Amino acid sequence: MKKTDLAKSDAKKLMNRMSANGAAFGASASAATPDRREQRERDRALGLVPFAVKLNSDLVKQLQALSKERGVELNELVTQLLQKGLSA
């Protein structure tokens, strides 16, 4: 066996051990998943449900500008506008 083949074999063994242990690289790899999970739990506790829609880009720009103007999050603004529109 050549020296390079031995090095490749050792590297493969190391990679297999690392993947078996669930090792992640970087701080973002280990921090991203729990934060999303915690956010989903908080949203669920508040009774929030993800609701995806496709809107015209001009309308989205108007909504974003209005949310900045009012100083509220986009989710909160859309909730207010929907409630106002449905009650009318």
PDB file of N, CA and C in Angstrom:
ATOM      1  N   MET A   1       0.846  -1.169   0.000  1.00  0.00           N
ATOM      2  CA  MET A   1       0.000   0.000   0.000  1.00  0.00           C
ATOM      3  C   MET A   1       0.894   1.237   0.000  1.00  0.00           C
ATOM      4  N   LYS A   2       0.554   2.179  -0.861  1.00  0.00           N
ATOM      5  CA  LYS A   2       1.340   3.408  -0.947  1.00  0.00           C
ATOM      6  C   LYS A   2       1.047   4.315   0.250  1.00  0.00           C
ATOM      7  N   LYS A   3       1.959   5.233   0.481  1.00  0.00           N
ATOM      8  CA  LYS A   3       1.799   6.163   1.596  1.00  0.00           C
ATOM      9  C   LYS A   3       0.555   7.031   1.399  1.00  0.00           C
ATOM     10  N   THR A   4       0.279   7.456   0.153  1.00  0.00           N
ATOM     11  CA  THR A   4      -0.902   8.292  -0.115  1.00  0.00           C
ATOM     12  C   THR A   4      -2.195   7.512   0.093  1.00  0.00           C
ATOM     13  N   ASP A   5      -2.192   6.235  -0.292  1.00  0.00           N
ATOM     14  CA  ASP A   5      -3.379   5.403  -0.075  1.00  0.00           C
ATOM     15  C   ASP A   5      -3.653   5.236   1.413  1.00  0.00           C
ATOM     16  N   LEU A   6      -2.603   5.078   2.198  1.00  0.00           N
ATOM     17  CA  LEU A   6      -2.748   4.953   3.644  1.00  0.00           C
ATOM     18  C   LEU A   6      -3.332   6.243   4.236  1.00  0.00           C
ATOM     19  N   ALA A   7      -2.865   7.391   3.760  1.00  0.00           N
ATOM     20  CA  ALA A   7      -3.372   8.674   4.246  1.00  0.00           C
ATOM     21  C   ALA A   7      -4.845   8.846   3.882  1.00  0.00           C
ATOM     22  N   LYS A   8      -5.220   8.437   2.662  1.00  0.00           N
ATOM     23  CA  LYS A   8      -6.622   8.519   2.249  1.00  0.00           C
ATOM     24  C   LYS A   8      -7.493   7.627   3.113  1.00  0.00           C
ATOM     25  N   SER A   9      -7.015   6.446   3.388  1.00  0.00           N
ATOM     26  CA  SER A   9      -7.758   5.504   4.222  1.00  0.00           C
ATOM     27  C   SER A   9      -7.965   6.064   5.627  1.00  0.00           C
ATOM     28  N   ASP A  10      -6.915   6.626   6.190  1.00  0.00           N
ATOM     29  CA  ASP A  10      -7.024   7.228   7.521  1.00  0.00           C
ATOM     30  C   ASP A  10      -8.016   8.389   7.523  1.00  0.00           C
ATOM     31  N   ALA A  11      -7.981   9.197   6.475  1.00  0.00           N
ATOM     32  CA  ALA A  11      -8.894  10.336   6.378  1.00  0.00           C
ATOM     33  C   ALA A  11     -10.340   9.855   6.281  1.00  0.00           C
ATOM     34  N   LYS A  12     -10.581   8.813   5.507  1.00  0.00           N
ATOM     35  CA  LYS A  12     -11.943   8.270   5.386  1.00  0.00           C
ATOM     36  C   LYS A  12     -12.441   7.738   6.722  1.00  0.00           C
ATOM     37  N   LYS A  13     -11.575   7.044   7.450  1.00  0.00           N
ATOM     38  CA  LYS A  13     -11.948   6.526   8.762  1.00  0.00           C
ATOM     39  C   LYS A  13     -12.312   7.661   9.709  1.00  0.00           C
ATOM     40  N   LEU A  14     -11.504   8.710   9.676  1.00  0.00           N
ATOM     41  CA  LEU A  14     -11.759   9.864  10.531  1.00  0.00           C
ATOM     42  C   LEU A  14     -13.078  10.526  10.184  1.00  0.00           C
ATOM     43  N   MET A  15     -13.331  10.705   8.901  1.00  0.00           N
ATOM     44  CA  MET A  15     -14.586  11.332   8.461  1.00  0.00           C
ATOM     45  C   MET A  15     -15.786  10.481   8.856  1.00  0.00           C
ATOM     46  N   ASN A  16     -15.672   9.165   8.733  1.00  0.00           N
ATOM     47  CA  ASN A  16     -16.767   8.282   9.127  1.00  0.00           C
ATOM     48  C   ASN A  16     -17.044   8.361  10.619  1.00  0.00           C
ATOM     49  N   ARG A  17     -15.985   8.415  11.419  1.00  0.00           N
ATOM     50  CA  ARG A  17     -16.169   8.544  12.865  1.00  0.00           C
ATOM     51  C   ARG A  17     -16.829   9.864  13.222  1.00  0.00           C
ATOM     52  N   MET A  18     -16.431  10.930  12.547  1.00  0.00           N
ATOM     53  CA  MET A  18     -16.991  12.246  12.847  1.00  0.00           C
ATOM     54  C   MET A  18     -18.457  12.304  12.452  1.00  0.00           C
ATOM     55  N   SER A  19     -18.829  11.746  11.307  1.00  0.00           N
ATOM     56  CA  SER A  19     -20.224  11.783  10.883  1.00  0.00           C
ATOM     57  C   SER A  19     -21.081  10.877  11.763  1.00  0.00           C
ATOM     58  N   ALA A  20     -20.525   9.797  12.262  1.00  0.00           N
ATOM     59  CA  ALA A  20     -21.265   8.901  13.149  1.00  0.00           C
ATOM     60  C   ALA A  20     -21.567   9.573  14.484  1.00  0.00           C
ATOM     61  N   ASN A  21     -20.668  10.432  14.926  1.00  0.00           N
ATOM     62  CA  ASN A  21     -20.869  11.145  16.191  1.00  0.00           C
ATOM     63  C   ASN A  21     -21.764  12.354  16.032  1.00  0.00           C
ATOM     64  N   GLY A  22     -22.140  12.692  14.804  1.00  0.00           N
ATOM     65  CA  GLY A  22     -22.974  13.866  14.573  1.00  0.00           C
ATOM     66  C   GLY A  22     -22.227  15.161  14.757  1.00  0.00           C
ATOM     67  N   ALA A  23     -20.948  15.157  14.486  1.00  0.00           N
ATOM     68  CA  ALA A  23     -20.137  16.362  14.658  1.00  0.00           C
ATOM     69  C   ALA A  23     -20.537  17.403  13.624  1.00  0.00           C
ATOM     70  N   ALA A  24     -20.624  18.648  14.064  1.00  0.00           N
ATOM     71  CA  ALA A  24     -20.939  19.757  13.173  1.00  0.00           C
ATOM     72  C   ALA A  24     -19.786  20.744  13.230  1.00  0.00           C
ATOM     73  N   PHE A  25     -19.575  21.423  12.143  1.00  0.00           N
ATOM     74  CA  PHE A  25     -18.473  22.372  12.067  1.00  0.00           C
ATOM     75  C   PHE A  25     -18.999  23.791  12.169  1.00  0.00           C
ATOM     76  N   GLY A  26     -18.347  24.600  12.969  1.00  0.00           N
ATOM     77  CA  GLY A  26     -18.682  26.008  13.084  1.00  0.00           C
ATOM     78  C   GLY A  26     -19.769  26.247  14.103  1.00  0.00           C
ATOM     79  N   ALA A  27     -19.816  27.468  14.608  1.00  0.00           N
ATOM     80  CA  ALA A  27     -20.814  27.822  15.611  1.00  0.00           C
ATOM     81  C   ALA A  27     -22.211  27.875  15.019  1.00  0.00           C
ATOM     82  N   SER A  28     -22.311  28.293  13.757  1.00  0.00           N
ATOM     83  CA  SER A  28     -23.630  28.423  13.151  1.00  0.00           C
ATOM     84  C   SER A  28     -24.297  27.078  12.945  1.00  0.00           C
ATOM     85  N   ALA A  29     -23.541  26.036  12.724  1.00  0.00           N
ATOM     86  CA  ALA A  29     -24.117  24.715  12.498  1.00  0.00           C
ATOM     87  C   ALA A  29     -24.815  24.196  13.750  1.00  0.00           C
ATOM     88  N   SER A  30     -24.251  24.456  14.904  1.00  0.00           N
ATOM     89  CA  SER A  30     -24.858  23.954  16.129  1.00  0.00           C
ATOM     90  C   SER A  30     -25.892  24.922  16.686  1.00  0.00           C
ATOM     91  N   ALA A  31     -25.818  26.187  16.347  1.00  0.00           N
ATOM     92  CA  ALA A  31     -26.725  27.170  16.917  1.00  0.00           C
ATOM     93  C   ALA A  31     -27.980  27.373  16.084  1.00  0.00           C
ATOM     94  N   ALA A  32     -27.933  27.100  14.797  1.00  0.00           N
ATOM     95  CA  ALA A  32     -29.076  27.392  13.932  1.00  0.00           C
ATOM     96  C   ALA A  32     -30.274  26.509  14.236  1.00  0.00           C
ATOM     97  N   THR A  33     -30.088  25.244  14.416  1.00  0.00           N
ATOM     98  CA  THR A  33     -31.198  24.326  14.615  1.00  0.00           C
ATOM     99  C   THR A  33     -31.960  24.580  15.917  1.00  0.00           C
ATOM    100  N   PRO A  34     -31.306  24.696  17.066  1.00  0.00           N
ATOM    101  CA  PRO A  34     -32.075  24.950  18.285  1.00  0.00           C
ATOM    102  C   PRO A  34     -32.825  26.277  18.254  1.00  0.00           C
ATOM    103  N   ASP A  35     -32.240  27.308  17.657  1.00  0.00           N
ATOM    104  CA  ASP A  35     -32.924  28.590  17.606  1.00  0.00           C
ATOM    105  C   ASP A  35     -34.212  28.487  16.801  1.00  0.00           C
ATOM    106  N   ARG A  36     -34.173  27.814  15.673  1.00  0.00           N
ATOM    107  CA  ARG A  36     -35.384  27.640  14.863  1.00  0.00           C
ATOM    108  C   ARG A  36     -36.415  26.816  15.614  1.00  0.00           C
ATOM    109  N   ARG A  37     -35.954  25.777  16.266  1.00  0.00           N
ATOM    110  CA  ARG A  37     -36.873  24.923  17.013  1.00  0.00           C
ATOM    111  C   ARG A  37     -37.519  25.708  18.147  1.00  0.00           C
ATOM    112  N   GLU A  38     -36.717  26.484  18.864  1.00  0.00           N
ATOM    113  CA  GLU A  38     -37.261  27.302  19.950  1.00  0.00           C
ATOM    114  C   GLU A  38     -38.249  28.320  19.414  1.00  0.00           C
ATOM    115  N   GLN A  39     -37.938  28.918  18.261  1.00  0.00           N
ATOM    116  CA  GLN A  39     -38.845  29.904  17.671  1.00  0.00           C
ATOM    117  C   GLN A  39     -40.170  29.246  17.296  1.00  0.00           C
ATOM    118  N   ARG A  40     -40.114  28.050  16.709  1.00  0.00           N
ATOM    119  CA  ARG A  40     -41.349  27.344  16.360  1.00  0.00           C
ATOM    120  C   ARG A  40     -42.167  27.044  17.601  1.00  0.00           C
ATOM    121  N   GLU A  41     -41.517  26.665  18.690  1.00  0.00           N
ATOM    122  CA  GLU A  41     -42.230  26.383  19.940  1.00  0.00           C
ATOM    123  C   GLU A  41     -42.886  27.649  20.490  1.00  0.00           C
ATOM    124  N   ARG A  42     -42.157  28.763  20.451  1.00  0.00           N
ATOM    125  CA  ARG A  42     -42.733  30.036  20.922  1.00  0.00           C
ATOM    126  C   ARG A  42     -43.934  30.420  20.071  1.00  0.00           C
ATOM    127  N   ASP A  43     -43.799  30.277  18.742  1.00  0.00           N
ATOM    128  CA  ASP A  43     -44.910  30.610  17.851  1.00  0.00           C
ATOM    129  C   ASP A  43     -46.117  29.721  18.127  1.00  0.00           C
ATOM    130  N   ARG A  44     -45.864  28.426  18.331  1.00  0.00           N
ATOM    131  CA  ARG A  44     -46.950  27.492  18.618  1.00  0.00           C
ATOM    132  C   ARG A  44     -47.653  27.868  19.915  1.00  0.00           C
ATOM    133  N   ALA A  45     -46.883  28.266  20.921  1.00  0.00           N
ATOM    134  CA  ALA A  45     -47.463  28.654  22.205  1.00  0.00           C
ATOM    135  C   ALA A  45     -48.350  29.892  22.061  1.00  0.00           C
ATOM    136  N   LEU A  46     -48.007  30.763  21.123  1.00  0.00           N
ATOM    137  CA  LEU A  46     -48.808  31.963  20.882  1.00  0.00           C
ATOM    138  C   LEU A  46     -49.978  31.700  19.944  1.00  0.00           C
ATOM    139  N   GLY A  47     -50.080  30.475  19.440  1.00  0.00           N
ATOM    140  CA  GLY A  47     -51.169  30.134  18.533  1.00  0.00           C
ATOM    141  C   GLY A  47     -50.907  30.569  17.105  1.00  0.00           C
ATOM    142  N   LEU A  48     -49.649  30.838  16.757  1.00  0.00           N
ATOM    143  CA  LEU A  48     -49.316  31.281  15.412  1.00  0.00           C
ATOM    144  C   LEU A  48     -49.108  30.085  14.498  1.00  0.00           C
ATOM    145  N   VAL A  49     -49.552  30.237  13.253  1.00  0.00           N
ATOM    146  CA  VAL A  49     -49.444  29.173  12.257  1.00  0.00           C
ATOM    147  C   VAL A  49     -48.766  29.756  11.030  1.00  0.00           C
ATOM    148  N   PRO A  50     -47.756  29.086  10.475  1.00  0.00           N
ATOM    149  CA  PRO A  50     -47.137  29.588   9.245  1.00  0.00           C
ATOM    150  C   PRO A  50     -48.156  29.565   8.108  1.00  0.00           C
ATOM    151  N   PHE A  51     -48.203  30.654   7.348  1.00  0.00           N
ATOM    152  CA  PHE A  51     -49.182  30.784   6.269  1.00  0.00           C
ATOM    153  C   PHE A  51     -48.491  31.477   5.103  1.00  0.00           C
ATOM    154  N   ALA A  52     -48.081  30.708   4.118  1.00  0.00           N
ATOM    155  CA  ALA A  52     -47.322  31.252   2.988  1.00  0.00           C
ATOM    156  C   ALA A  52     -48.274  31.662   1.867  1.00  0.00           C
ATOM    157  N   VAL A  53     -48.044  32.839   1.323  1.00  0.00           N
ATOM    158  CA  VAL A  53     -48.802  33.328   0.167  1.00  0.00           C
ATOM    159  C   VAL A  53     -47.829  33.950  -0.827  1.00  0.00           C
ATOM    160  N   LYS A  54     -48.236  34.023  -2.060  1.00  0.00           N
ATOM    161  CA  LYS A  54     -47.423  34.678  -3.077  1.00  0.00           C
ATOM    162  C   LYS A  54     -48.085  36.004  -3.413  1.00  0.00           C
ATOM    163  N   LEU A  55     -47.308  37.073  -3.265  1.00  0.00           N
ATOM    164  CA  LEU A  55     -47.813  38.425  -3.500  1.00  0.00           C
ATOM    165  C   LEU A  55     -46.985  39.105  -4.573  1.00  0.00           C
ATOM    166  N   ASN A  56     -47.587  40.082  -5.209  1.00  0.00           N
ATOM    167  CA  ASN A  56     -46.903  40.903  -6.187  1.00  0.00           C
ATOM    168  C   ASN A  56     -45.766  41.648  -5.494  1.00  0.00           C
ATOM    169  N   SER A  57     -44.627  41.770  -6.154  1.00  0.00           N
ATOM    170  CA  SER A  57     -43.457  42.410  -5.535  1.00  0.00           C
ATOM    171  C   SER A  57     -43.723  43.870  -5.169  1.00  0.00           C
ATOM    172  N   ASP A  58     -44.534  44.574  -5.951  1.00  0.00           N
ATOM    173  CA  ASP A  58     -44.867  45.965  -5.606  1.00  0.00           C
ATOM    174  C   ASP A  58     -45.652  46.030  -4.300  1.00  0.00           C
ATOM    175  N   LEU A  59     -46.567  45.095  -4.117  1.00  0.00           N
ATOM    176  CA  LEU A  59     -47.353  45.056  -2.887  1.00  0.00           C
ATOM    177  C   LEU A  59     -46.467  44.746  -1.684  1.00  0.00           C
ATOM    178  N   VAL A  60     -45.514  43.849  -1.867  1.00  0.00           N
ATOM    179  CA  VAL A  60     -44.590  43.508  -0.788  1.00  0.00           C
ATOM    180  C   VAL A  60     -43.749  44.726  -0.412  1.00  0.00           C
ATOM    181  N   LYS A  61     -43.301  45.475  -1.402  1.00  0.00           N
ATOM    182  CA  LYS A  61     -42.522  46.687  -1.120  1.00  0.00           C
ATOM    183  C   LYS A  61     -43.360  47.697  -0.340  1.00  0.00           C
ATOM    184  N   GLN A  62     -44.637  47.828  -0.702  1.00  0.00           N
ATOM    185  CA  GLN A  62     -45.526  48.743   0.025  1.00  0.00           C
ATOM    186  C   GLN A  62     -45.700  48.291   1.468  1.00  0.00           C
ATOM    187  N   LEU A  63     -45.881  46.991   1.653  1.00  0.00           N
ATOM    188  CA  LEU A  63     -46.036  46.462   3.014  1.00  0.00           C
ATOM    189  C   LEU A  63     -44.782  46.689   3.841  1.00  0.00           C
ATOM    190  N   GLN A  64     -43.614  46.456   3.246  1.00  0.00           N
ATOM    191  CA  GLN A  64     -42.362  46.662   3.959  1.00  0.00           C
ATOM    192  C   GLN A  64     -42.171  48.127   4.318  1.00  0.00           C
ATOM    193  N   ALA A  65     -42.492  49.033   3.402  1.00  0.00           N
ATOM    194  CA  ALA A  65     -42.362  50.466   3.674  1.00  0.00           C
ATOM    195  C   ALA A  65     -43.320  50.891   4.784  1.00  0.00           C
ATOM    196  N   LEU A  66     -44.539  50.368   4.744  1.00  0.00           N
ATOM    197  CA  LEU A  66     -45.528  50.712   5.763  1.00  0.00           C
ATOM    198  C   LEU A  66     -45.124  50.170   7.131  1.00  0.00           C
ATOM    199  N   SER A  67     -44.533  48.992   7.168  1.00  0.00           N
ATOM    200  CA  SER A  67     -44.103  48.439   8.452  1.00  0.00           C
ATOM    201  C   SER A  67     -42.957  49.257   9.042  1.00  0.00           C
ATOM    202  N   LYS A  68     -42.047  49.729   8.188  1.00  0.00           N
ATOM    203  CA  LYS A  68     -40.971  50.589   8.680  1.00  0.00           C
ATOM    204  C   LYS A  68     -41.522  51.923   9.166  1.00  0.00           C
ATOM    205  N   GLU A  69     -42.477  52.458   8.422  1.00  0.00           N
ATOM    206  CA  GLU A  69     -43.087  53.744   8.781  1.00  0.00           C
ATOM    207  C   GLU A  69     -43.788  53.657  10.134  1.00  0.00           C
ATOM    208  N   ARG A  70     -44.516  52.570  10.365  1.00  0.00           N
ATOM    209  CA  ARG A  70     -45.250  52.396  11.620  1.00  0.00           C
ATOM    210  C   ARG A  70     -44.368  51.851  12.735  1.00  0.00           C
ATOM    211  N   GLY A  71     -43.213  51.315  12.380  1.00  0.00           N
ATOM    212  CA  GLY A  71     -42.306  50.769  13.386  1.00  0.00           C
ATOM    213  C   GLY A  71     -42.768  49.446  13.970  1.00  0.00           C
ATOM    214  N   VAL A  72     -43.435  48.641  13.147  1.00  0.00           N
ATOM    215  CA  VAL A  72     -43.892  47.321  13.589  1.00  0.00           C
ATOM    216  C   VAL A  72     -43.305  46.268  12.656  1.00  0.00           C
ATOM    217  N   GLU A  73     -43.301  45.014  13.123  1.00  0.00           N
ATOM    218  CA  GLU A  73     -42.817  43.926  12.285  1.00  0.00           C
ATOM    219  C   GLU A  73     -43.818  43.667  11.163  1.00  0.00           C
ATOM    220  N   LEU A  74     -43.320  43.093  10.089  1.00  0.00           N
ATOM    221  CA  LEU A  74     -44.149  42.804   8.924  1.00  0.00           C
ATOM    222  C   LEU A  74     -45.291  41.860   9.282  1.00  0.00           C
ATOM    223  N   ASN A  75     -45.030  40.849  10.100  1.00  0.00           N
ATOM    224  CA  ASN A  75     -46.081  39.914  10.516  1.00  0.00           C
ATOM    225  C   ASN A  75     -47.215  40.637  11.241  1.00  0.00           C
ATOM    226  N   GLU A  76     -46.851  41.533  12.125  1.00  0.00           N
ATOM    227  CA  GLU A  76     -47.844  42.277  12.897  1.00  0.00           C
ATOM    228  C   GLU A  76     -48.665  43.189  11.983  1.00  0.00           C
ATOM    229  N   LEU A  77     -47.998  43.845  11.039  1.00  0.00           N
ATOM    230  CA  LEU A  77     -48.697  44.724  10.098  1.00  0.00           C
ATOM    231  C   LEU A  77     -49.697  43.949   9.256  1.00  0.00           C
ATOM    232  N   VAL A  78     -49.272  42.811   8.714  1.00  0.00           N
ATOM    233  CA  VAL A  78     -50.172  42.006   7.884  1.00  0.00           C
ATOM    234  C   VAL A  78     -51.355  41.518   8.715  1.00  0.00           C
ATOM    235  N   THR A  79     -51.122  41.149   9.960  1.00  0.00           N
ATOM    236  CA  THR A  79     -52.219  40.733  10.840  1.00  0.00           C
ATOM    237  C   THR A  79     -53.215  41.855  11.029  1.00  0.00           C
ATOM    238  N   GLN A  80     -52.714  43.056  11.291  1.00  0.00           N
ATOM    239  CA  GLN A  80     -53.604  44.212  11.478  1.00  0.00           C
ATOM    240  C   GLN A  80     -54.417  44.496  10.220  1.00  0.00           C
ATOM    241  N   LEU A  81     -53.752  44.487   9.079  1.00  0.00           N
ATOM    242  CA  LEU A  81     -54.445  44.781   7.824  1.00  0.00           C
ATOM    243  C   LEU A  81     -55.479  43.724   7.486  1.00  0.00           C
ATOM    244  N   LEU A  82     -55.156  42.461   7.711  1.00  0.00           N
ATOM    245  CA  LEU A  82     -56.126  41.382   7.447  1.00  0.00           C
ATOM    246  C   LEU A  82     -57.329  41.483   8.370  1.00  0.00           C
ATOM    247  N   GLN A  83     -57.098  41.750   9.646  1.00  0.00           N
ATOM    248  CA  GLN A  83     -58.206  41.874  10.592  1.00  0.00           C
ATOM    249  C   GLN A  83     -59.103  43.053  10.219  1.00  0.00           C
ATOM    250  N   LYS A  84     -58.481  44.159   9.841  1.00  0.00           N
ATOM    251  CA  LYS A  84     -59.250  45.338   9.440  1.00  0.00           C
ATOM    252  C   LYS A  84     -60.054  45.056   8.174  1.00  0.00           C
ATOM    253  N   GLY A  85     -59.432  44.387   7.208  1.00  0.00           N
ATOM    254  CA  GLY A  85     -60.136  44.071   5.974  1.00  0.00           C
ATOM    255  C   GLY A  85     -61.254  43.068   6.154  1.00  0.00           C
ATOM    256  N   LEU A  86     -61.055  42.085   7.004  1.00  0.00           N
ATOM    257  CA  LEU A  86     -62.085  41.068   7.225  1.00  0.00           C
ATOM    258  C   LEU A  86     -63.261  41.597   8.058  1.00  0.00           C
ATOM    259  N   SER A  87     -63.007  42.559   8.930  1.00  0.00           N
ATOM    260  CA  SER A  87     -64.084  43.105   9.749  1.00  0.00           C
ATOM    261  C   SER A  87     -64.945  44.108   8.980  1.00  0.00           C
ATOM    262  N   ALA A  88     -64.414  44.626   7.872  1.00  0.00           N
ATOM    263  CA  ALA A  88     -65.165  45.624   7.081  1.00  0.00           C
ATOM    264  C   ALA A  88     -66.241  44.981   6.223  1.00  0.00           C
TER     265      ALA A  88
END
